[in-house]
Amino acid sequence: MLLTNFTFAICTKKPYYLQLADFIKDQVHQGALPTGSHMPSIRKLADALLISRTTVETAYNILAADGYLLS
């Protein structure tokens, strides 16, 4: 599954949604997420990362606004 190597940095003031959005952007730039790939649903990713769906939804909204995701 995508994002299996993602972990949150606890000792930073950067919110989880920004950490997640930045990680996904890095994956795109590194080529790990090619154009046209499908992202996990908000619910599945939230469950996998043990975080709130709102956190994932906010990260996805940021990525969509920046042109990284299409919904």
Foldseek 3Di string as FASTA:
>chain_A
DPPPPDDDDPPDPDDLLVSVLVVVVVCDVVVVADPPDDDDDLVVVCVSRVHDSVSPVSSVVVCVVVPNDDD
